[in-house]
Structures are given as C-alpha cells and as structure tokens.
Amino acid sequence: MSHYVDLIRDFALDITLSKRLPMDLATVDKLLTTTRTVRKRLDFTRSVDPEIIQTCLEIAIQAPTGGNIPRYHFVVVTDEAKRTDLAALYKRAYLEVYSPQRQEEVRQSDPRLIDSATYLAEHMHEVPVLIIPCVEAPPVQGTGPGAYASILPATWSLMLALRARGVGSAWTTLHLRYEQEAAALLGIPDGMRQAALLPVAYYTG
C-alpha cells in the first residue's frame, strides 16, 4: 500500500514539475513565426488523417473565449461533392473581387500574392479537407467584432496545431459573400455565423 501511495505521489510530482519547466522557446517561436497561409504548397493527392484533425480541434477549443463560454463550432467538410460545391462558391466570390483586370493590376505590385491566391481559387475543390469555423452570433446590428472574439483565437490555435503536425492551411473569407448558400449546402443552422474557410492539406514539401 505504501509503495502504491509513493507511486501516486511521484506521478503527481512529475506533473507539477513538468508544468514548471520552461517551454522550448525555439520550437514555440518557430511555430508562431512560420505558420503562414498556405496556398500553392497544399498536397491535393493525400487524405489528411481524421485523427489529426480531431486532435487539432481538441487543442483549438482550449483557446480563450469571451466570458469563458464557448459558442463556437467547426464544420469539417470531406465529402467530395460538398467540397466541390463549396469551392465553386469561393471561386465565384474570388472572381467578383479579383476580376482578370484586377488580377493584372495586383500582379504589377505583388505577383506572388495574386498568383498564389488565384491558384487556390482554381484548385480549392481538390483540397481534401475544408473547415469552416462558426460562432453562435445571430446577425444583430451593433454586435460588432465582439461577436467573433471567441472563434478567431480558436481558429488560429487550430492552424498552429495543424502546422505543428506537418499540415498546412489557409485563412480565407471570400466565401462569406455567399454565406447563406454555404449554410444551406452544409446544413448550418440559422443563428450560426461563419467566420472563415480553411483549406487543409499536408504540405507538398
């Protein structure tokens, strides 16, 4: 019995000490400073392990929330037909914002950005996983940015967790021009606002 109690005490001590140990700042800093929106390096040929998505979502919901009350949800889309339809909405919105003429104008100042953004719009349907972060925030006038205060940190945490596991993602919002159509496509209920659309895939290199 005494040996058993000693084991419990040692285990508790190990946990306490691990919490006190400093983090590996080099690794943490690298993660924070190298997590970027990935567009042209997403691998369309590999399925992402569902367990990785689940683990990253579990990490994401540890993010701080307004009032410490989580009101967010993540819609994970892997069905090919729905991904194709959702990608079509994104591409339609993209071409509305970046017409061929506008693309040429942007290319004069930032060719790398417009080329990668156009590439993603043209290939969004090939991305194996699309994730839409949502928040319970009815479109009431005057709610302002506070309505999204809880979902944005969680979404960033999701991107960091994915990056740490060799999975890239991109923060996009253009599909929100067709938010109602996307909601109907995915069965997202009224009163649930979409905050972004994250294409998720392993890196190509």
Protein backbone atom coordinates (compact mmCIF):
# COMPACT_ATOMS: atom_id res chain seq x y z
CA MET A 1 0.00 0.00 0.00
CA SER A 2 2.83 2.36 0.91
CA HIS A 3 4.54 1.65 -2.43
CA TYR A 4 1.30 2.41 -4.27
CA VAL A 5 0.94 5.73 -2.43
CA ASP A 6 4.56 6.59 -3.25
CA LEU A 7 3.91 5.95 -6.95
CA ILE A 8 0.89 8.27 -6.92
CA ARG A 9 2.91 10.93 -5.09
CA ASP A 10 5.77 10.65 -7.58
CA PHE A 11 3.40 10.85 -10.53
CA ALA A 12 1.76 13.99 -9.13
CA LEU A 13 5.19 15.48 -8.54
CA ASP A 14 6.22 14.76 -12.13
CA ILE A 15 3.12 16.57 -13.42
CA THR A 16 3.77 19.55 -11.17
CA LEU A 17 7.40 19.78 -12.26
CA SER A 18 6.52 19.47 -15.95
CA LYS A 19 4.22 22.45 -15.62
CA ARG A 20 7.01 24.48 -14.05
CA LEU A 21 9.64 23.60 -16.63
CA PRO A 22 10.22 26.31 -19.23
CA MET A 23 8.91 25.68 -22.72
CA ASP A 24 11.25 25.07 -25.61
CA LEU A 25 11.14 28.68 -26.77
CA ALA A 26 12.98 27.97 -30.01
CA THR A 27 10.28 25.50 -31.07
CA VAL A 28 7.44 27.73 -29.89
CA ASP A 29 8.88 30.78 -31.61
CA LYS A 30 9.45 28.85 -34.83
CA LEU A 31 5.84 27.66 -34.83
CA LEU A 32 4.48 31.16 -34.21
CA THR A 33 6.67 32.80 -36.82
CA THR A 34 6.41 30.23 -39.60
CA THR A 35 2.70 29.47 -39.61
CA ARG A 36 1.52 31.15 -42.78
CA THR A 37 -1.41 30.91 -45.13
CA VAL A 38 -0.51 28.05 -47.47
CA ARG A 39 -1.95 28.11 -50.99
CA LYS A 40 0.39 26.60 -53.59
CA ARG A 41 2.07 24.00 -51.35
CA LEU A 42 -1.06 22.09 -50.35
CA ASP A 43 -0.91 18.42 -51.34
CA PHE A 44 -4.16 17.53 -53.09
CA THR A 45 -3.20 13.88 -53.50
CA ARG A 46 -3.12 12.84 -49.82
CA SER A 47 -6.03 12.46 -47.45
CA VAL A 48 -5.49 14.02 -44.05
CA ASP A 49 -5.69 11.56 -41.16
CA PRO A 50 -9.02 12.19 -39.37
CA GLU A 51 -7.29 11.62 -36.03
CA ILE A 52 -5.01 14.58 -36.74
CA ILE A 53 -8.00 16.80 -37.46
CA GLN A 54 -9.71 15.61 -34.28
CA THR A 55 -6.61 16.20 -32.15
CA CYS A 56 -6.08 19.67 -33.59
CA LEU A 57 -9.71 20.60 -32.93
CA GLU A 58 -9.38 19.42 -29.35
CA ILE A 59 -6.36 21.68 -29.00
CA ALA A 60 -8.13 24.59 -30.69
CA ILE A 61 -11.02 24.64 -28.25
CA GLN A 62 -8.59 25.29 -25.42
CA ALA A 63 -8.25 28.86 -26.73
CA PRO A 64 -9.59 31.70 -24.56
CA THR A 65 -13.22 32.69 -25.05
CA GLY A 66 -15.28 35.72 -24.21
CA GLY A 67 -16.86 35.22 -20.79
CA ASN A 68 -15.24 31.78 -20.73
CA ILE A 69 -18.30 30.49 -22.60
CA PRO A 70 -17.51 28.61 -25.82
CA ARG A 71 -20.05 29.37 -28.53
CA TYR A 72 -18.10 28.12 -31.47
CA HIS A 73 -18.34 25.15 -33.79
CA PHE A 74 -16.14 23.75 -36.56
CA VAL A 75 -17.70 22.26 -39.68
CA VAL A 76 -15.31 19.75 -41.23
CA VAL A 77 -16.08 19.04 -44.88
CA THR A 78 -14.55 15.98 -46.52
CA ASP A 79 -17.40 14.87 -48.80
CA GLU A 80 -16.22 15.38 -52.37
CA ALA A 81 -19.49 16.74 -53.73
CA LYS A 82 -19.86 19.27 -50.93
CA ARG A 83 -16.25 20.32 -51.22
CA THR A 84 -16.78 20.90 -54.93
CA ASP A 85 -19.90 23.00 -54.39
CA LEU A 86 -18.29 24.99 -51.58
CA ALA A 87 -15.21 25.60 -53.74
CA ALA A 88 -17.48 26.87 -56.52
CA LEU A 89 -18.92 29.47 -54.15
CA TYR A 90 -15.42 30.52 -53.16
CA LYS A 91 -14.26 30.80 -56.77
CA ARG A 92 -17.33 32.83 -57.71
CA ALA A 93 -16.64 35.26 -54.88
CA TYR A 94 -12.95 35.39 -55.77
CA LEU A 95 -13.64 36.36 -59.37
CA GLU A 96 -16.06 39.04 -58.21
CA VAL A 97 -13.34 40.62 -56.11
CA TYR A 98 -10.43 39.82 -58.40
CA SER A 99 -11.60 40.09 -61.98
CA PRO A 100 -8.97 39.33 -64.65
CA GLN A 101 -8.34 43.07 -64.94
CA ARG A 102 -7.96 43.45 -61.18
CA GLN A 103 -5.65 40.45 -61.09
CA GLU A 104 -3.35 42.13 -63.59
CA GLU A 105 -3.37 45.33 -61.57
CA VAL A 106 -2.39 43.50 -58.38
CA ARG A 107 0.21 41.48 -60.27
CA GLN A 108 2.11 44.67 -61.00
CA SER A 109 2.77 45.24 -57.29
CA ASP A 110 2.53 41.76 -55.77
CA PRO A 111 2.69 38.99 -58.39
CA ARG A 112 3.45 36.28 -55.84
CA LEU A 113 0.33 37.03 -53.81
CA ILE A 114 -2.11 37.19 -56.72
CA ASP A 115 -0.67 34.10 -58.39
CA SER A 116 -0.98 32.00 -55.23
CA ALA A 117 -4.45 33.37 -54.44
CA THR A 118 -5.68 32.63 -57.96
CA TYR A 119 -4.13 29.17 -57.81
CA LEU A 120 -6.04 28.38 -54.62
CA ALA A 121 -9.31 29.66 -56.09
CA GLU A 122 -8.86 27.41 -59.11
CA HIS A 123 -7.93 24.35 -57.06
CA MET A 124 -10.00 24.73 -53.88
CA HIS A 125 -12.20 21.79 -54.90
CA GLU A 126 -9.15 19.50 -54.84
CA VAL A 127 -8.23 20.23 -51.22
CA PRO A 128 -9.02 17.10 -49.16
CA VAL A 129 -10.42 18.90 -46.11
CA LEU A 130 -12.28 22.20 -45.79
CA ILE A 131 -13.00 23.55 -42.32
CA ILE A 132 -15.46 26.34 -41.55
CA PRO A 133 -15.20 27.88 -38.07
CA CYS A 134 -18.62 29.06 -36.90
CA VAL A 135 -19.87 31.04 -33.93
CA GLU A 136 -23.27 31.35 -32.31
CA ALA A 137 -23.76 35.02 -33.09
CA PRO A 138 -27.06 35.99 -34.71
CA PRO A 139 -26.63 38.88 -37.18
CA VAL A 140 -27.88 41.57 -34.79
CA GLN A 141 -26.93 45.12 -35.66
CA GLY A 142 -24.42 46.57 -33.26
CA THR A 143 -22.77 43.30 -32.19
CA GLY A 144 -19.53 44.46 -33.86
CA PRO A 145 -16.29 42.46 -33.82
CA GLY A 146 -17.03 41.17 -30.32
CA ALA A 147 -19.31 38.58 -31.85
CA TYR A 148 -16.23 36.86 -33.30
CA ALA A 149 -13.94 37.35 -30.30
CA SER A 150 -14.12 33.68 -29.31
CA ILE A 151 -13.89 31.95 -32.68
CA LEU A 152 -10.83 33.79 -34.01
CA PRO A 153 -8.35 32.68 -31.29
CA ALA A 154 -9.63 29.11 -31.60
CA THR A 155 -9.18 29.19 -35.37
CA TRP A 156 -5.62 30.47 -35.05
CA SER A 157 -4.88 27.75 -32.50
CA LEU A 158 -6.22 25.21 -34.98
CA MET A 159 -3.85 26.48 -37.67
CA LEU A 160 -0.91 26.31 -35.26
CA ALA A 161 -1.78 22.77 -34.19
CA LEU A 162 -2.05 21.68 -37.82
CA ARG A 163 1.25 23.32 -38.70
CA ALA A 164 2.99 21.51 -35.83
CA ARG A 165 1.88 18.21 -37.40
CA GLY A 166 3.01 18.99 -40.92
CA VAL A 167 -0.41 20.04 -42.17
CA GLY A 168 -0.93 23.38 -43.92
CA SER A 169 -3.97 25.62 -44.01
CA ALA A 170 -5.04 28.98 -45.39
CA TRP A 171 -7.21 31.63 -43.77
CA THR A 172 -9.81 32.70 -46.35
CA THR A 173 -13.06 34.63 -46.01
CA LEU A 174 -14.25 35.37 -49.56
CA HIS A 175 -16.89 32.64 -49.48
CA LEU A 176 -18.72 34.72 -46.85
CA ARG A 177 -20.19 36.68 -49.75
CA TYR A 178 -22.29 33.54 -50.17
CA GLU A 179 -22.61 32.62 -46.52
CA GLN A 180 -26.30 31.71 -46.77
CA GLU A 181 -25.68 29.46 -49.74
CA ALA A 182 -22.83 27.76 -47.90
CA ALA A 183 -25.03 27.32 -44.84
CA ALA A 184 -27.75 25.69 -46.93
CA LEU A 185 -25.21 23.40 -48.59
CA LEU A 186 -23.74 22.22 -45.28
CA GLY A 187 -26.84 22.32 -43.10
CA ILE A 188 -25.52 25.08 -40.86
CA PRO A 189 -28.48 26.33 -38.80
CA ASP A 190 -29.78 29.88 -38.57
CA GLY A 191 -28.08 31.93 -35.89
CA MET A 192 -24.72 30.37 -36.66
CA ARG A 193 -22.28 32.75 -38.35
CA GLN A 194 -19.36 31.53 -40.39
CA ALA A 195 -16.03 33.21 -39.71
CA ALA A 196 -13.68 31.76 -42.31
CA LEU A 197 -12.95 28.88 -44.67
CA LEU A 198 -9.74 26.91 -44.09
CA PRO A 199 -8.49 24.61 -46.84
CA VAL A 200 -6.43 21.95 -45.04
CA ALA A 201 -3.88 19.52 -46.51
CA TYR A 202 -0.41 18.15 -45.98
CA TYR A 203 2.46 20.18 -47.39
CA THR A 204 3.91 19.17 -50.74
CA GLY A 205 7.43 19.74 -49.43
